[in-house]
Amino acid sequence: MTLDPVHFDGITRLAGRISRDVDRRDHRAFAETVWTDFLDPLVRDGDPVVEPLGEHRRRVVDLEAAALQDPPYPTQHGLDSGTINPTTYKNGLVVDVAQAAMTAVPSDLELHRGRTVVMTVHSNDPTLTIPDEGWIADDEGYTRKRVLRVPQVNRYEAAVVHELALYLAEGKHARENADVVDDVLILDGPIYPKGLHSWSDRQPELADLLAEDDRPRDVIENYIRLVERFVERDVPLVGFVKTPSSRLITRTVRETTGDAPWVNDAAFFSQVLERREDDERLTDGLTFTGWYVSRGGTDEMLSAPDGAFGLERELAPEAYALTFCVIYDPRTDTVYRLEAPAAFTRDEDRRERLLRQVLAGVAVQRGPPEAVAKADALARIGRAETRALQDSLEQTFDSERDTTYDEDRWGLLGE
């Protein structure tokens, strides 16, 4: 330990010099004002960007009652995709590997064995041959795998290999296994490939790729077809976001009022959903909002009348609109975001059943519902496996990893 107690205390005293003119209660009061006056609907440049789907309200359910209720859906499936994270080699290759897995509650071991594995490779060497052999079966047919050469970029290689691997594995695995889902499928994360959608708002090089290259659009198309397949089967499809990072509400309020003290929308919702008594947090119930339609930023890209990146849609554009509600667990001071295409949330009764299903899971698990937690565990590539894969790829490529001093110093490559 290099931070001595005297230094620790000095830093604490230094922090105490930072003035706090606004009391925490003032922040909560402003959050209440935003909740009451801004969200029914939230308007930006004259257009609604967040609009209630049904009543604009907050609710609470007793934790024990939520945990003991019979879940509306007898079975549930979860799906997740994990990666080793982008790895650069001295021969110029930038590589990521993703695997996707689906779980069932009750368990289905044959389904759990299935994997979709994608290796994405970036190279600026035009002489390098990376044959696209399509999908290859492995592990007695339980695994589909593919190598994909990603579009060439001058910057952002890590983002391109990571996001294409992650979302191609997830979307493909979900489509291939869609018909085994009887009651509800819960994706671990957003319902749409938000990382790819954000390319249009980032540097022009990435925006041009999204507009001109088939490879990222093919990945996005998987999610369009996934929604259409689940609508056809009348089986709901939702996403459970464990760490919401949206800033749409915060950014819009700040533009309108000049003030919004929260880092992101999750911090705002924690203010309006936390219950207190005598300045102590109440922890006996889960609190949650109603459902909303989000049409701001990347949320509207698949539902805009002239949007969807030029991809064909079988349903009316509004069926793909992103809808969400927010759940707050006071036991862990955690905000979750539940997402679904509008096709599955137009009906009030179905919205209620989806919410009850997830509330029951959070109450019991003290975290993500069981299907999501199991999918995360199956799809995750641990540090030891990541290191072993990276070592193996060094031999295959006959090239060492291009590491930095910080990676060596701090052991960022894993143990």
Protein backbone atom coordinates (compact mmCIF):
# COMPACT_ATOMS: atom_id res chain seq x y z
CA MET A 1 0.00 0.00 0.00
CA THR A 2 1.56 3.30 -1.13
CA LEU A 3 -1.11 5.65 0.25
CA ASP A 4 -0.13 6.26 3.86
CA PRO A 5 -2.79 7.15 6.47
CA VAL A 6 -1.50 10.72 6.63
CA HIS A 7 -1.98 11.07 2.87
CA PHE A 8 -5.43 9.47 3.05
CA ASP A 9 -6.53 11.91 5.75
CA GLY A 10 -5.06 14.79 3.76
CA ILE A 11 -7.08 13.89 0.71
CA THR A 12 -10.22 13.66 2.81
CA ARG A 13 -9.60 17.13 4.25
CA LEU A 14 -8.93 18.43 0.75
CA ALA A 15 -12.28 17.10 -0.41
CA GLY A 16 -13.90 18.88 2.51
CA ARG A 17 -12.79 22.19 1.02
CA ILE A 18 -15.11 21.67 -1.95
CA SER A 19 -18.09 23.90 -1.33
CA ARG A 20 -21.56 22.37 -1.41
CA ASP A 21 -24.01 25.21 -1.63
CA VAL A 22 -26.91 22.94 -2.59
CA ASP A 23 -28.36 20.61 -0.01
CA ARG A 24 -29.20 17.04 -1.03
CA ARG A 25 -32.83 17.83 -0.31
CA ASP A 26 -32.69 20.59 -2.94
CA HIS A 27 -31.55 18.04 -5.52
CA ARG A 28 -34.42 15.77 -4.56
CA ALA A 29 -36.86 18.67 -4.77
CA PHE A 30 -35.62 19.56 -8.26
CA ALA A 31 -35.91 15.92 -9.30
CA GLU A 32 -39.53 15.99 -8.09
CA THR A 33 -40.14 19.08 -10.19
CA VAL A 34 -38.72 17.40 -13.27
CA TRP A 35 -40.81 14.30 -12.59
CA THR A 36 -44.01 16.30 -12.14
CA ASP A 37 -43.60 18.99 -14.78
CA PHE A 38 -41.34 17.65 -17.53
CA LEU A 39 -42.08 14.00 -18.30
CA ASP A 40 -45.68 14.07 -19.48
CA PRO A 41 -44.26 14.32 -22.13
CA LEU A 42 -40.61 15.45 -22.25
CA VAL A 43 -40.28 17.76 -25.26
CA ARG A 44 -37.16 18.72 -27.20
CA ASP A 45 -37.23 21.17 -30.10
CA GLY A 46 -41.02 20.91 -30.11
CA ASP A 47 -41.12 17.10 -30.40
CA PRO A 48 -41.83 14.57 -27.62
CA VAL A 49 -38.74 12.48 -26.91
CA VAL A 50 -40.02 10.66 -23.79
CA GLU A 51 -43.75 10.09 -23.57
CA PRO A 52 -45.83 8.06 -21.09
CA LEU A 53 -47.38 4.85 -22.37
CA GLY A 54 -50.39 4.81 -20.10
CA GLU A 55 -50.25 6.66 -16.78
CA HIS A 56 -47.27 8.76 -15.72
CA ARG A 57 -46.88 7.44 -12.19
CA ARG A 58 -44.66 5.82 -9.56
CA ARG A 59 -45.56 2.66 -7.71
CA VAL A 60 -44.19 0.47 -4.94
CA VAL A 61 -44.55 -3.25 -4.25
CA ASP A 62 -43.70 -4.96 -0.98
CA LEU A 63 -40.57 -7.06 -1.40
CA GLU A 64 -42.01 -10.15 0.23
CA ALA A 65 -45.23 -9.90 -1.77
CA ALA A 66 -43.27 -9.50 -5.01
CA ALA A 67 -41.05 -12.49 -4.21
CA LEU A 68 -43.93 -14.79 -3.24
CA GLN A 69 -46.27 -14.04 -6.14
CA ASP A 70 -46.73 -16.60 -8.88
CA PRO A 71 -44.78 -15.36 -11.92
CA PRO A 72 -47.07 -14.46 -14.83
CA TYR A 73 -44.94 -16.53 -17.21
CA PRO A 74 -44.29 -20.17 -16.16
CA THR A 75 -41.01 -20.32 -18.08
CA GLN A 76 -38.45 -17.70 -18.99
CA HIS A 77 -35.35 -17.65 -21.17
CA GLY A 78 -32.33 -15.37 -20.91
CA LEU A 79 -29.61 -14.51 -23.41
CA ASP A 80 -26.24 -12.80 -23.13
CA SER A 81 -23.03 -12.33 -25.08
CA GLY A 82 -19.54 -11.92 -23.61
CA THR A 83 -16.17 -11.06 -25.16
CA ILE A 84 -12.46 -11.22 -24.39
CA ASN A 85 -12.28 -7.48 -25.25
CA PRO A 86 -10.20 -6.11 -28.16
CA THR A 87 -6.64 -7.39 -28.31
CA THR A 88 -3.92 -5.84 -30.49
CA TYR A 89 -1.01 -7.87 -31.91
CA LYS A 90 2.33 -6.60 -33.16
CA ASN A 91 1.57 -7.73 -36.71
CA GLY A 92 -1.21 -5.11 -36.82
CA LEU A 93 -4.18 -7.38 -36.15
CA VAL A 94 -6.88 -6.20 -33.75
CA VAL A 95 -9.06 -9.11 -32.62
CA ASP A 96 -12.04 -9.73 -30.40
CA VAL A 97 -13.91 -12.95 -29.67
CA ALA A 98 -17.52 -13.14 -28.46
CA GLN A 99 -19.70 -16.02 -27.38
CA ALA A 100 -23.46 -15.92 -26.87
CA ALA A 101 -25.51 -18.34 -24.78
CA MET A 102 -29.18 -18.83 -23.93
CA THR A 103 -30.54 -20.17 -20.66
CA ALA A 104 -33.91 -21.45 -19.54
CA VAL A 105 -35.77 -21.42 -16.22
CA PRO A 106 -36.47 -24.26 -15.49
CA SER A 107 -33.09 -25.41 -16.80
CA ASP A 108 -32.55 -27.00 -20.20
CA LEU A 109 -29.02 -28.42 -20.30
CA GLU A 110 -29.02 -29.05 -24.04
CA LEU A 111 -29.99 -25.44 -24.68
CA HIS A 112 -27.34 -24.24 -22.23
CA ARG A 113 -24.67 -26.17 -24.14
CA GLY A 114 -25.34 -24.22 -27.34
CA ARG A 115 -23.05 -21.35 -28.28
CA THR A 116 -22.62 -18.83 -31.07
CA VAL A 117 -18.96 -17.78 -31.34
CA VAL A 118 -17.71 -14.86 -33.44
CA MET A 119 -14.12 -13.76 -34.00
CA THR A 120 -13.78 -10.29 -35.50
CA VAL A 121 -10.48 -9.25 -37.07
CA HIS A 122 -9.26 -5.83 -38.19
CA SER A 123 -6.17 -5.34 -40.33
CA ASN A 124 -4.81 -2.50 -42.44
CA ASP A 125 -2.70 -5.00 -44.43
CA PRO A 126 -4.39 -5.48 -47.84
CA THR A 127 -2.38 -8.66 -48.47
CA LEU A 128 -3.83 -10.43 -45.44
CA THR A 129 -6.30 -13.16 -46.37
CA ILE A 130 -9.24 -13.70 -44.03
CA PRO A 131 -11.62 -16.06 -45.82
CA ASP A 132 -15.30 -15.58 -45.05
CA GLU A 133 -16.52 -19.16 -44.84
CA GLY A 134 -19.82 -18.23 -43.24
CA TRP A 135 -21.10 -20.12 -40.23
CA ILE A 136 -19.32 -23.35 -39.31
CA ALA A 137 -20.76 -26.04 -37.01
CA ASP A 138 -18.70 -27.36 -34.09
CA ASP A 139 -19.17 -29.38 -30.89
CA GLU A 140 -21.48 -31.92 -32.53
CA GLY A 141 -23.62 -29.10 -33.89
CA TYR A 142 -24.15 -27.30 -30.57
CA THR A 143 -21.85 -24.43 -31.59
CA ARG A 144 -21.91 -22.11 -34.59
CA LYS A 145 -18.76 -20.11 -35.20
CA ARG A 146 -17.53 -17.55 -37.69
CA VAL A 147 -14.55 -15.33 -38.47
CA LEU A 148 -15.52 -11.87 -39.71
CA ARG A 149 -13.11 -9.34 -41.17
CA VAL A 150 -14.46 -6.01 -40.05
CA PRO A 151 -14.51 -2.83 -42.14
CA GLN A 152 -11.16 -1.07 -42.32
CA VAL A 153 -10.87 2.10 -40.26
CA ASN A 154 -8.03 4.46 -39.44
CA ARG A 155 -9.17 4.87 -35.83
CA TYR A 156 -11.65 3.15 -33.50
CA GLU A 157 -10.44 -0.35 -34.46
CA ALA A 158 -11.11 -1.59 -30.92
CA ALA A 159 -14.69 -0.29 -30.93
CA VAL A 160 -15.42 -1.82 -34.34
CA VAL A 161 -14.13 -5.32 -33.55
CA HIS A 162 -15.77 -5.31 -30.11
CA GLU A 163 -19.23 -4.14 -31.07
CA LEU A 164 -19.51 -6.24 -34.22
CA ALA A 165 -18.42 -9.39 -32.36
CA LEU A 166 -20.68 -8.77 -29.36
CA TYR A 167 -23.86 -7.95 -31.29
CA LEU A 168 -23.38 -10.42 -34.14
CA ALA A 169 -23.03 -13.29 -31.63
CA GLU A 170 -26.00 -12.11 -29.56
CA GLY A 171 -28.37 -11.38 -32.45
CA LYS A 172 -27.53 -14.57 -34.33
CA HIS A 173 -27.91 -16.79 -31.26
CA ALA A 174 -31.23 -15.18 -30.38
CA ARG A 175 -32.62 -15.70 -33.89
CA GLU A 176 -31.41 -19.30 -34.13
CA ASN A 177 -33.03 -20.20 -30.81
CA ALA A 178 -36.14 -18.01 -30.98
CA ASP A 179 -38.53 -20.91 -31.45
CA VAL A 180 -37.55 -22.66 -28.20
CA VAL A 181 -38.92 -19.71 -26.18
CA ASP A 182 -42.48 -20.38 -25.04
CA ASP A 183 -43.29 -17.50 -22.69
CA VAL A 184 -40.71 -14.66 -22.58
CA LEU A 185 -37.10 -13.97 -23.64
CA ILE A 186 -35.05 -11.53 -21.56
CA LEU A 187 -31.88 -10.17 -23.15
CA ASP A 188 -29.10 -9.21 -20.76
CA GLY A 189 -28.78 -5.58 -21.81
CA PRO A 190 -30.55 -3.27 -24.25
CA ILE A 191 -33.13 -4.65 -26.64
CA TYR A 192 -31.28 -3.15 -29.63
CA PRO A 193 -27.52 -2.96 -30.45
CA LYS A 194 -27.09 0.48 -28.95
CA GLY A 195 -23.31 0.46 -29.41
CA LEU A 196 -23.71 0.15 -33.18
CA HIS A 197 -26.54 2.69 -33.32
CA SER A 198 -24.27 5.22 -31.62
CA TRP A 199 -21.85 5.09 -34.56
CA SER A 200 -24.12 7.55 -36.36
CA ASP A 201 -23.57 10.09 -33.56
CA ARG A 202 -19.83 9.55 -33.26
CA GLN A 203 -16.99 10.38 -35.64
CA PRO A 204 -17.83 10.67 -39.37
CA GLU A 205 -15.72 7.60 -40.15
CA LEU A 206 -18.02 5.37 -38.09
CA ALA A 207 -21.17 7.11 -39.34
CA ASP A 208 -20.06 6.48 -42.93
CA LEU A 209 -19.49 2.78 -42.17
CA LEU A 210 -23.00 2.46 -40.81
CA ALA A 211 -24.43 4.11 -43.91
CA GLU A 212 -22.31 2.35 -46.53
CA ASP A 213 -21.08 -1.03 -45.28
CA ASP A 214 -23.25 -4.16 -45.21
CA ARG A 215 -21.48 -5.77 -42.25
CA PRO A 216 -22.76 -3.51 -39.44
CA ARG A 217 -26.16 -3.26 -41.12
CA ASP A 218 -26.39 -7.06 -41.29
CA VAL A 219 -25.88 -7.17 -37.53
CA ILE A 220 -28.62 -4.59 -36.94
CA GLU A 221 -30.93 -6.48 -39.30
CA ASN A 222 -30.72 -9.51 -36.99
CA TYR A 223 -32.49 -7.49 -34.29
CA ILE A 224 -35.19 -6.28 -36.68
CA ARG A 225 -35.91 -9.86 -37.74
CA LEU A 226 -35.79 -10.99 -34.11
CA VAL A 227 -38.56 -8.55 -33.18
CA GLU A 228 -40.60 -9.63 -36.18
CA ARG A 229 -40.24 -13.31 -35.32
CA PHE A 230 -41.36 -12.80 -31.74
CA VAL A 231 -44.30 -10.65 -32.85
CA GLU A 232 -45.29 -13.39 -35.30
CA ARG A 233 -45.17 -15.99 -32.49
CA ASP A 234 -46.88 -13.61 -30.02
CA VAL A 235 -44.10 -14.17 -27.48
CA PRO A 236 -42.72 -11.06 -25.69
CA LEU A 237 -39.10 -10.00 -26.02
CA VAL A 238 -37.56 -7.65 -23.44
CA GLY A 239 -34.16 -6.35 -22.39
CA PHE A 240 -32.95 -5.99 -18.79
CA VAL A 241 -30.32 -3.23 -18.52
CA LYS A 242 -28.27 -3.62 -15.35
CA THR A 243 -26.28 -0.40 -15.67
CA PRO A 244 -28.41 2.15 -17.56
CA SER A 245 -26.28 4.92 -19.07
CA SER A 246 -28.86 6.94 -21.01
CA ARG A 247 -28.61 10.73 -20.65
CA LEU A 248 -31.61 11.69 -22.76
CA ILE A 249 -33.72 13.08 -19.91
CA THR A 250 -30.79 14.70 -18.12
CA ARG A 251 -29.48 16.31 -21.32
CA THR A 252 -32.92 17.59 -22.37
CA VAL A 253 -33.68 19.05 -18.93
CA ARG A 254 -30.26 20.71 -18.84
CA GLU A 255 -30.84 22.26 -22.27
CA THR A 256 -34.27 23.51 -21.16
CA THR A 257 -33.49 24.80 -17.66
CA GLY A 258 -29.73 25.21 -17.69
CA ASP A 259 -29.48 22.81 -14.77
CA ALA A 260 -29.57 19.05 -14.13
CA PRO A 261 -27.19 17.91 -11.40
CA TRP A 262 -27.33 14.20 -12.27
CA VAL A 263 -24.65 12.31 -14.16
CA ASN A 264 -27.24 10.36 -16.14
CA ASP A 265 -30.90 9.37 -16.16
CA ALA A 266 -30.33 6.48 -13.74
CA ALA A 267 -29.14 8.97 -11.11
CA PHE A 268 -32.28 11.06 -11.73
CA PHE A 269 -34.58 8.06 -11.33
CA SER A 270 -32.83 7.01 -8.13
CA GLN A 271 -33.79 10.43 -6.72
CA VAL A 272 -37.48 10.15 -7.62
CA LEU A 273 -37.87 6.45 -6.79
CA GLU A 274 -36.02 6.36 -3.47
CA ARG A 275 -38.39 6.52 -0.48
CA ARG A 276 -37.22 8.10 2.77
CA GLU A 277 -38.59 8.48 6.26
CA ASP A 278 -36.81 10.63 8.87
CA ASP A 279 -34.00 10.94 6.30
CA GLU A 280 -33.51 7.15 6.26
CA ARG A 281 -33.98 5.09 3.11
CA LEU A 282 -36.92 2.67 3.25
CA THR A 283 -35.92 -0.78 2.03
CA ASP A 284 -39.12 -2.77 2.34
CA GLY A 285 -40.31 -2.41 -1.25
CA LEU A 286 -39.30 -2.14 -4.89
CA THR A 287 -40.32 1.13 -6.54
CA PHE A 288 -40.88 1.54 -10.26
CA THR A 289 -42.22 3.86 -12.91
CA GLY A 290 -44.84 3.39 -15.58
CA TRP A 291 -43.83 2.67 -19.17
CA TYR A 292 -42.54 5.31 -21.60
CA VAL A 293 -41.85 5.56 -25.31
CA SER A 294 -38.36 6.89 -26.05
CA ARG A 295 -37.81 8.69 -29.33
CA GLY A 296 -34.60 10.54 -28.60
CA GLY A 297 -31.11 9.95 -29.93
CA THR A 298 -30.27 6.37 -30.85
CA ASP A 299 -33.54 5.09 -29.36
CA GLU A 300 -35.58 6.16 -32.39
CA MET A 301 -33.39 4.77 -35.16
CA LEU A 302 -35.31 1.57 -35.86
CA SER A 303 -38.75 3.17 -35.54
CA ALA A 304 -38.30 6.41 -37.50
CA PRO A 305 -40.49 6.42 -40.63
CA ASP A 306 -37.47 7.00 -42.87
CA GLY A 307 -34.96 5.30 -40.57
CA ALA A 308 -33.77 1.74 -39.88
CA PHE A 309 -30.53 2.36 -41.82
CA GLY A 310 -32.26 1.57 -45.10
CA LEU A 311 -33.24 -1.93 -43.94
CA GLU A 312 -36.64 -3.33 -44.80
CA ARG A 313 -39.19 -3.72 -42.00
CA GLU A 314 -42.17 -6.05 -42.13
CA LEU A 315 -44.09 -4.26 -39.37
CA ALA A 316 -45.23 -0.65 -39.09
CA PRO A 317 -42.31 1.55 -37.94
CA GLU A 318 -43.95 2.36 -34.59
CA ALA A 319 -43.95 -1.36 -33.67
CA TYR A 320 -40.16 -1.15 -33.26
CA ALA A 321 -40.27 1.94 -31.03
CA LEU A 322 -38.27 1.51 -27.84
CA THR A 323 -40.35 1.54 -24.67
CA PHE A 324 -39.01 1.31 -21.13
CA CYS A 325 -39.77 1.47 -17.44
CA VAL A 326 -37.40 1.92 -14.51
CA ILE A 327 -37.09 -0.25 -11.38
CA TYR A 328 -35.30 0.79 -8.18
CA ASP A 329 -34.05 -1.70 -5.58
CA PRO A 330 -33.35 0.17 -2.30
CA ARG A 331 -31.51 -2.81 -0.79
CA THR A 332 -28.61 -2.21 -3.16
CA ASP A 333 -29.43 1.39 -4.21
CA THR A 334 -29.56 0.13 -7.80
CA VAL A 335 -31.55 1.33 -10.81
CA TYR A 336 -32.53 -1.10 -13.58
CA ARG A 337 -34.12 -0.31 -16.92
CA LEU A 338 -36.58 -2.74 -18.52
CA GLU A 339 -36.93 -2.29 -22.29
CA ALA A 340 -39.23 -3.74 -24.94
CA PRO A 341 -40.32 -2.90 -28.50
CA ALA A 342 -43.67 -1.11 -28.56
CA ALA A 343 -45.24 -4.11 -30.30
CA PHE A 344 -45.14 -5.92 -26.94
CA THR A 345 -46.14 -3.06 -24.64
CA ARG A 346 -49.13 -1.49 -26.37
CA ASP A 347 -51.44 -3.76 -24.40
CA GLU A 348 -51.73 -2.62 -20.77
CA ASP A 349 -52.27 -6.13 -19.44
CA ARG A 350 -49.11 -7.43 -21.13
CA ARG A 351 -47.10 -4.45 -19.85
CA GLU A 352 -48.24 -5.30 -16.35
CA ARG A 353 -47.37 -8.99 -16.67
CA LEU A 354 -43.89 -8.25 -18.00
CA LEU A 355 -43.27 -5.84 -15.15
CA ARG A 356 -44.54 -8.28 -12.51
CA GLN A 357 -42.34 -11.03 -13.94
CA VAL A 358 -39.21 -8.93 -13.65
CA LEU A 359 -40.14 -7.46 -10.25
CA ALA A 360 -40.53 -10.98 -8.88
CA GLY A 361 -37.11 -11.92 -10.24
CA VAL A 362 -35.39 -8.86 -8.78
CA ALA A 363 -37.09 -9.36 -5.40
CA VAL A 364 -35.96 -12.98 -5.15
CA GLN A 365 -32.48 -12.62 -6.65
CA ARG A 366 -31.58 -9.24 -5.11
CA GLY A 367 -30.38 -8.42 -8.60
CA PRO A 368 -31.13 -9.45 -12.20
CA PRO A 369 -33.81 -12.13 -12.72
CA GLU A 370 -32.54 -15.71 -12.64
CA ALA A 371 -32.62 -16.22 -16.43
CA VAL A 372 -30.47 -13.12 -16.95
CA ALA A 373 -28.01 -14.05 -14.21
CA LYS A 374 -27.62 -17.57 -15.63
CA ALA A 375 -27.09 -16.25 -19.16
CA ASP A 376 -24.45 -13.83 -17.89
CA ALA A 377 -22.63 -16.67 -16.14
CA LEU A 378 -22.72 -18.91 -19.23
CA ALA A 379 -21.65 -16.27 -21.76
CA ARG A 380 -18.97 -14.59 -19.66
CA ILE A 381 -15.37 -15.30 -20.71
CA GLY A 382 -13.35 -15.16 -17.49
CA ARG A 383 -9.93 -13.60 -17.02
CA ALA A 384 -8.14 -16.94 -17.04
CA GLU A 385 -9.88 -18.05 -20.24
CA THR A 386 -9.23 -14.65 -21.82
CA ARG A 387 -5.52 -14.89 -21.06
CA ALA A 388 -5.34 -18.45 -22.38
CA LEU A 389 -7.14 -17.46 -25.59
CA GLN A 390 -4.87 -14.48 -26.12
CA ASP A 391 -1.80 -16.69 -25.59
CA SER A 392 -3.13 -19.24 -28.05
CA LEU A 393 -3.81 -16.57 -30.66
CA GLU A 394 -0.23 -15.33 -30.26
CA GLN A 395 0.95 -18.73 -31.44
CA THR A 396 -1.62 -18.93 -34.22
CA PHE A 397 -0.74 -15.47 -35.56
CA ASP A 398 2.98 -15.96 -34.84
CA SER A 399 2.92 -12.52 -33.25
CA GLU A 400 3.06 -11.20 -29.69
CA ARG A 401 0.41 -9.00 -28.18
CA ASP A 402 1.10 -5.29 -28.46
CA THR A 403 0.87 -4.47 -24.77
CA THR A 404 1.35 -1.16 -23.00
CA TYR A 405 3.29 -0.35 -19.87
CA ASP A 406 0.08 0.08 -17.88
CA GLU A 407 -1.20 -3.34 -18.97
CA ASP A 408 2.00 -4.97 -17.76
CA ARG A 409 2.18 -2.86 -14.61
CA TRP A 410 -1.40 -3.33 -13.47
CA GLY A 411 -2.06 -6.80 -14.84
CA LEU A 412 -4.89 -5.62 -17.07
CA LEU A 413 -4.51 -8.69 -19.23
CA GLY A 414 -5.61 -10.95 -16.43
CA GLU A 415 -3.90 -13.58 -14.37
